[in-house]
Structure formats: structure tokens, C-alpha cells
Amino acid sequence: MANLVYVQPNGARVSVDAPDGITVMQAAVDTAVEGIIGACAGSCACGTCHVYIDERYTSLLPPITPEEDHKLDEVAAPVKRNSRMACRVVVTSRLDGMVVHIPKTQG
């Protein structure tokens, strides 16, 4: 299990305890975190779970797949070095404390 901290565009923080094996998107959807929609239910087809991962944690994540990279080209908010699709980031205990910034726009 990992505690994830989602940061809203206005700076508000939401702390979520997420079990290992689910995605950062699913943890947000399951706990009604605003700003992460997950319209495609995690199939990396919609771009509504784009997030910015705190750079202290990016080295703990697997590399971006070609599918995720392609979807990042289509998201509404600016893409940054630490951009990820939350449906492609699987929770592990190594991610405990990870801060996930939600962009102002999704889609």
C-alpha cells in the first residue's frame, strides 16, 4: 500500500491510501479525487488522467510506453518532463508519499 497525495490546480491536497496493484488513476477515481476523470476506464485511450508526478518519484516509475507517449501527445494540458498518464502508473509500496499534481484541464 502507498499513500498518494493528489494536488489540485488550486493547491488543495487530497491524501489517498492506495493498495498495491491498482493504478494512480483508479485510486483517484475510487476516492472521487476531482480532476482525474478516467473516461476510458484505464485503457489509455482518452487522455483524461494526465498528471504531473513529483520529480522525486519519476525514477521509481517504469519508462513511458509508446502507447502512453502517443496519448501524451493528445492531452489538453501542457506536457512536461514529469507528465504521465495516471492509468499507466501502477501503485507499489515504493511510491509511498508520492505527490501527483493534477493539471487545470483534462481531455
N, C-alpha and C. Protein backbone atom coordinates (compact mmCIF):
# COMPACT_ATOMS: atom_id res chain seq x y z
N MET A 1 0.84 -1.17 0.00
CA MET A 1 0.00 0.00 0.00
C MET A 1 0.88 1.24 0.00
N ALA A 2 0.35 2.29 -0.62
CA ALA A 2 1.08 3.56 -0.67
C ALA A 2 0.11 4.69 -0.41
N ASN A 3 0.58 5.69 0.29
CA ASN A 3 -0.20 6.91 0.45
C ASN A 3 0.19 7.83 -0.70
N LEU A 4 -0.81 8.24 -1.48
CA LEU A 4 -0.60 9.16 -2.59
C LEU A 4 -1.22 10.50 -2.23
N VAL A 5 -0.54 11.57 -2.61
CA VAL A 5 -1.06 12.91 -2.35
C VAL A 5 -1.35 13.56 -3.69
N TYR A 6 -2.63 13.80 -3.95
CA TYR A 6 -3.07 14.46 -5.18
C TYR A 6 -3.19 15.95 -4.90
N VAL A 7 -2.56 16.75 -5.75
CA VAL A 7 -2.60 18.20 -5.57
C VAL A 7 -3.45 18.80 -6.68
N GLN A 8 -4.52 19.48 -6.27
CA GLN A 8 -5.42 20.14 -7.21
C GLN A 8 -4.73 21.38 -7.80
N PRO A 9 -5.21 21.86 -8.95
CA PRO A 9 -4.62 23.06 -9.54
C PRO A 9 -4.62 24.27 -8.59
N ASN A 10 -5.58 24.32 -7.65
CA ASN A 10 -5.63 25.44 -6.71
C ASN A 10 -4.75 25.21 -5.48
N GLY A 11 -4.02 24.09 -5.44
CA GLY A 11 -3.12 23.80 -4.34
C GLY A 11 -3.70 22.91 -3.26
N ALA A 12 -5.01 22.68 -3.27
CA ALA A 12 -5.63 21.79 -2.28
C ALA A 12 -5.06 20.38 -2.44
N ARG A 13 -4.86 19.71 -1.32
CA ARG A 13 -4.27 18.36 -1.32
C ARG A 13 -5.28 17.33 -0.84
N VAL A 14 -5.26 16.18 -1.49
CA VAL A 14 -6.10 15.06 -1.10
C VAL A 14 -5.18 13.85 -0.92
N SER A 15 -5.21 13.27 0.27
CA SER A 15 -4.38 12.12 0.58
C SER A 15 -5.21 10.85 0.44
N VAL A 16 -4.67 9.86 -0.27
CA VAL A 16 -5.38 8.62 -0.54
C VAL A 16 -4.46 7.44 -0.24
N ASP A 17 -4.96 6.47 0.51
CA ASP A 17 -4.24 5.22 0.71
C ASP A 17 -4.65 4.28 -0.42
N ALA A 18 -3.69 3.88 -1.23
CA ALA A 18 -3.96 3.07 -2.42
C ALA A 18 -3.28 1.70 -2.29
N PRO A 19 -4.03 0.63 -2.52
CA PRO A 19 -3.42 -0.70 -2.44
C PRO A 19 -2.48 -0.96 -3.62
N ASP A 20 -1.48 -1.76 -3.38
CA ASP A 20 -0.58 -2.18 -4.45
C ASP A 20 -1.38 -2.83 -5.58
N GLY A 21 -0.95 -2.56 -6.81
CA GLY A 21 -1.52 -3.23 -7.96
C GLY A 21 -2.58 -2.45 -8.71
N ILE A 22 -3.18 -1.42 -8.08
CA ILE A 22 -4.11 -0.60 -8.84
C ILE A 22 -3.34 0.58 -9.42
N THR A 23 -3.97 1.30 -10.30
CA THR A 23 -3.28 2.43 -10.92
C THR A 23 -3.55 3.71 -10.13
N VAL A 24 -2.72 4.69 -10.36
CA VAL A 24 -2.89 6.01 -9.75
C VAL A 24 -4.24 6.59 -10.19
N MET A 25 -4.65 6.32 -11.43
CA MET A 25 -5.96 6.77 -11.90
C MET A 25 -7.08 6.10 -11.13
N GLN A 26 -7.02 4.79 -10.97
CA GLN A 26 -8.09 4.06 -10.29
C GLN A 26 -8.20 4.48 -8.84
N ALA A 27 -7.06 4.70 -8.18
CA ALA A 27 -7.09 5.16 -6.79
C ALA A 27 -7.81 6.51 -6.70
N ALA A 28 -7.58 7.38 -7.66
CA ALA A 28 -8.24 8.69 -7.67
C ALA A 28 -9.73 8.57 -7.95
N VAL A 29 -10.08 7.77 -8.94
CA VAL A 29 -11.49 7.59 -9.29
C VAL A 29 -12.26 6.93 -8.14
N ASP A 30 -11.67 5.92 -7.53
CA ASP A 30 -12.32 5.20 -6.43
C ASP A 30 -12.61 6.10 -5.23
N THR A 31 -11.81 7.15 -5.06
CA THR A 31 -11.97 8.04 -3.91
C THR A 31 -12.48 9.42 -4.31
N ALA A 32 -12.97 9.54 -5.55
CA ALA A 32 -13.59 10.77 -6.06
C ALA A 32 -12.67 11.98 -6.00
N VAL A 33 -11.39 11.78 -6.35
CA VAL A 33 -10.46 12.90 -6.45
C VAL A 33 -10.85 13.71 -7.69
N GLU A 34 -11.12 15.00 -7.50
CA GLU A 34 -11.50 15.86 -8.62
C GLU A 34 -10.34 16.03 -9.60
N GLY A 35 -10.69 16.10 -10.87
CA GLY A 35 -9.70 16.40 -11.90
C GLY A 35 -9.13 15.21 -12.62
N ILE A 36 -9.31 14.02 -12.09
CA ILE A 36 -8.89 12.80 -12.79
C ILE A 36 -10.17 12.08 -13.17
N ILE A 37 -10.46 12.08 -14.45
CA ILE A 37 -11.74 11.58 -14.94
C ILE A 37 -11.68 10.09 -15.27
N GLY A 38 -10.68 9.69 -16.04
CA GLY A 38 -10.57 8.28 -16.41
C GLY A 38 -11.73 7.81 -17.26
N ALA A 39 -12.12 8.62 -18.23
CA ALA A 39 -13.30 8.32 -19.06
C ALA A 39 -13.19 7.00 -19.81
N CYS A 40 -12.00 6.55 -20.12
CA CYS A 40 -11.84 5.30 -20.87
C CYS A 40 -11.61 4.10 -19.95
N ALA A 41 -11.79 4.31 -18.65
CA ALA A 41 -11.65 3.26 -17.65
C ALA A 41 -10.25 2.65 -17.61
N GLY A 42 -9.27 3.44 -17.97
CA GLY A 42 -7.89 2.98 -17.85
C GLY A 42 -7.28 2.31 -19.06
N SER A 43 -7.89 2.48 -20.23
CA SER A 43 -7.35 1.84 -21.43
C SER A 43 -6.37 2.74 -22.20
N CYS A 44 -6.03 3.87 -21.63
CA CYS A 44 -5.07 4.83 -22.24
C CYS A 44 -5.56 5.30 -23.60
N ALA A 45 -6.88 5.55 -23.67
CA ALA A 45 -7.47 5.97 -24.93
C ALA A 45 -8.07 7.37 -24.90
N CYS A 46 -8.18 7.98 -23.71
CA CYS A 46 -8.93 9.24 -23.65
C CYS A 46 -8.11 10.46 -23.24
N GLY A 47 -7.05 10.30 -22.51
CA GLY A 47 -6.25 11.44 -22.08
C GLY A 47 -6.80 12.20 -20.89
N THR A 48 -7.80 11.65 -20.18
CA THR A 48 -8.41 12.38 -19.07
C THR A 48 -7.82 12.02 -17.70
N CYS A 49 -6.65 11.42 -17.70
CA CYS A 49 -5.98 11.13 -16.43
C CYS A 49 -4.52 11.60 -16.47
N HIS A 50 -4.26 12.60 -17.29
CA HIS A 50 -2.93 13.18 -17.37
C HIS A 50 -2.57 13.83 -16.04
N VAL A 51 -1.38 13.54 -15.54
CA VAL A 51 -0.91 14.11 -14.28
C VAL A 51 0.57 14.46 -14.39
N TYR A 52 1.02 15.23 -13.42
CA TYR A 52 2.44 15.54 -13.27
C TYR A 52 2.92 14.86 -11.99
N ILE A 53 3.86 13.94 -12.13
CA ILE A 53 4.40 13.20 -10.99
C ILE A 53 5.54 14.01 -10.38
N ASP A 54 5.52 14.15 -9.07
CA ASP A 54 6.62 14.85 -8.39
C ASP A 54 7.93 14.22 -8.85
N GLU A 55 8.86 15.06 -9.25
CA GLU A 55 10.10 14.56 -9.86
C GLU A 55 10.95 13.69 -8.92
N ARG A 56 10.71 13.76 -7.63
CA ARG A 56 11.43 12.87 -6.71
C ARG A 56 11.04 11.42 -6.91
N TYR A 57 9.91 11.17 -7.59
CA TYR A 57 9.40 9.81 -7.76
C TYR A 57 9.51 9.29 -9.19
N THR A 58 9.83 10.14 -10.14
CA THR A 58 9.81 9.70 -11.53
C THR A 58 10.81 8.57 -11.80
N SER A 59 11.92 8.55 -11.09
CA SER A 59 12.90 7.49 -11.31
C SER A 59 12.41 6.13 -10.80
N LEU A 60 11.37 6.13 -9.98
CA LEU A 60 10.81 4.88 -9.46
C LEU A 60 9.77 4.27 -10.39
N LEU A 61 9.41 5.00 -11.43
CA LEU A 61 8.38 4.54 -12.35
C LEU A 61 9.00 3.85 -13.55
N PRO A 62 8.27 2.91 -14.15
CA PRO A 62 8.77 2.30 -15.38
C PRO A 62 8.79 3.34 -16.49
N PRO A 63 9.58 3.11 -17.52
CA PRO A 63 9.61 4.06 -18.64
C PRO A 63 8.24 4.20 -19.30
N ILE A 64 8.05 5.33 -19.92
CA ILE A 64 6.81 5.57 -20.67
C ILE A 64 6.78 4.63 -21.87
N THR A 65 5.66 3.95 -22.06
CA THR A 65 5.50 3.05 -23.21
C THR A 65 5.15 3.88 -24.44
N PRO A 66 5.33 3.32 -25.63
CA PRO A 66 4.94 4.05 -26.85
C PRO A 66 3.45 4.45 -26.83
N GLU A 67 2.59 3.57 -26.31
CA GLU A 67 1.16 3.87 -26.21
C GLU A 67 0.92 5.11 -25.33
N GLU A 68 1.57 5.14 -24.18
CA GLU A 68 1.41 6.28 -23.27
C GLU A 68 2.00 7.55 -23.89
N ASP A 69 3.14 7.43 -24.52
CA ASP A 69 3.77 8.58 -25.17
C ASP A 69 2.86 9.17 -26.25
N HIS A 70 2.23 8.30 -27.02
CA HIS A 70 1.31 8.74 -28.06
C HIS A 70 0.12 9.49 -27.44
N LYS A 71 -0.42 8.97 -26.35
CA LYS A 71 -1.57 9.62 -25.71
C LYS A 71 -1.16 10.95 -25.10
N LEU A 72 0.05 11.05 -24.58
CA LEU A 72 0.51 12.33 -24.03
C LEU A 72 0.57 13.42 -25.10
N ASP A 73 0.76 13.02 -26.35
CA ASP A 73 0.76 13.99 -27.46
C ASP A 73 -0.62 14.59 -27.68
N GLU A 74 -1.66 13.98 -27.10
CA GLU A 74 -3.03 14.41 -27.35
C GLU A 74 -3.72 15.05 -26.15
N VAL A 75 -3.04 15.20 -25.03
CA VAL A 75 -3.71 15.73 -23.83
C VAL A 75 -3.92 17.24 -23.94
N ALA A 76 -4.87 17.75 -23.14
CA ALA A 76 -5.24 19.16 -23.21
C ALA A 76 -4.25 20.08 -22.51
N ALA A 77 -3.68 19.67 -21.41
CA ALA A 77 -2.75 20.50 -20.65
C ALA A 77 -1.33 20.36 -21.22
N PRO A 78 -0.48 21.33 -20.93
CA PRO A 78 0.91 21.23 -21.41
C PRO A 78 1.59 19.96 -20.89
N VAL A 79 2.36 19.34 -21.76
CA VAL A 79 3.14 18.15 -21.38
C VAL A 79 4.49 18.62 -20.85
N LYS A 80 4.87 18.05 -19.71
CA LYS A 80 6.13 18.38 -19.07
C LYS A 80 6.98 17.12 -18.96
N ARG A 81 8.23 17.28 -18.50
CA ARG A 81 9.12 16.13 -18.31
C ARG A 81 8.52 15.08 -17.40
N ASN A 82 7.72 15.51 -16.43
CA ASN A 82 7.17 14.59 -15.44
C ASN A 82 5.71 14.23 -15.73
N SER A 83 5.26 14.47 -16.96
CA SER A 83 3.90 14.09 -17.34
C SER A 83 3.78 12.58 -17.46
N ARG A 84 2.67 12.07 -16.96
CA ARG A 84 2.34 10.65 -17.12
C ARG A 84 0.84 10.52 -17.24
N MET A 85 0.42 9.40 -17.82
CA MET A 85 -0.99 9.03 -17.81
C MET A 85 -1.18 8.20 -16.54
N ALA A 86 -2.04 8.66 -15.65
CA ALA A 86 -2.22 8.00 -14.35
C ALA A 86 -2.72 6.57 -14.49
N CYS A 87 -3.34 6.25 -15.63
CA CYS A 87 -3.82 4.87 -15.85
C CYS A 87 -2.66 3.92 -16.15
N ARG A 88 -1.48 4.44 -16.34
CA ARG A 88 -0.32 3.61 -16.66
C ARG A 88 0.69 3.55 -15.51
N VAL A 89 0.38 4.19 -14.39
CA VAL A 89 1.27 4.17 -13.23
C VAL A 89 0.65 3.26 -12.18
N VAL A 90 1.28 2.11 -11.97
CA VAL A 90 0.78 1.11 -11.02
C VAL A 90 1.35 1.40 -9.63
N VAL A 91 0.47 1.38 -8.66
CA VAL A 91 0.86 1.66 -7.27
C VAL A 91 1.65 0.49 -6.70
N THR A 92 2.76 0.84 -6.06
CA THR A 92 3.54 -0.12 -5.27
C THR A 92 3.94 0.60 -3.98
N SER A 93 4.35 -0.16 -3.00
CA SER A 93 4.76 0.45 -1.73
C SER A 93 5.94 1.40 -1.92
N ARG A 94 6.72 1.22 -2.96
CA ARG A 94 7.85 2.12 -3.24
C ARG A 94 7.39 3.55 -3.53
N LEU A 95 6.12 3.69 -3.92
CA LEU A 95 5.60 5.01 -4.25
C LEU A 95 4.96 5.71 -3.06
N ASP A 96 5.10 5.15 -1.86
CA ASP A 96 4.50 5.75 -0.68
C ASP A 96 4.95 7.20 -0.53
N GLY A 97 3.98 8.09 -0.39
CA GLY A 97 4.26 9.52 -0.25
C GLY A 97 4.31 10.28 -1.56
N MET A 98 4.13 9.60 -2.67
CA MET A 98 4.23 10.25 -3.98
C MET A 98 3.20 11.36 -4.12
N VAL A 99 3.67 12.48 -4.66
CA VAL A 99 2.81 13.64 -4.91
C VAL A 99 2.47 13.65 -6.39
N VAL A 100 1.16 13.77 -6.67
CA VAL A 100 0.63 13.74 -8.03
C VAL A 100 -0.10 15.06 -8.27
N HIS A 101 0.42 15.88 -9.17
CA HIS A 101 -0.20 17.16 -9.48
C HIS A 101 -1.18 16.99 -10.63
N ILE A 102 -2.37 17.53 -10.44
CA ILE A 102 -3.43 17.43 -11.45
C ILE A 102 -3.44 18.72 -12.26
N PRO A 103 -3.38 18.63 -13.60
CA PRO A 103 -3.41 19.84 -14.42
C PRO A 103 -4.78 20.52 -14.39
N LYS A 104 -4.82 21.76 -14.83
CA LYS A 104 -6.07 22.52 -14.84
C LYS A 104 -7.11 21.97 -15.80
N THR A 105 -6.65 21.35 -16.88
CA THR A 105 -7.58 20.83 -17.89
C THR A 105 -7.24 19.38 -18.19
N GLN A 106 -8.26 18.62 -18.59
CA GLN A 106 -8.10 17.23 -18.99
C GLN A 106 -8.83 17.06 -20.34
N GLY A 107 -8.49 15.98 -21.00
CA GLY A 107 -9.20 15.66 -22.23
C GLY A 107 -8.31 15.48 -23.41
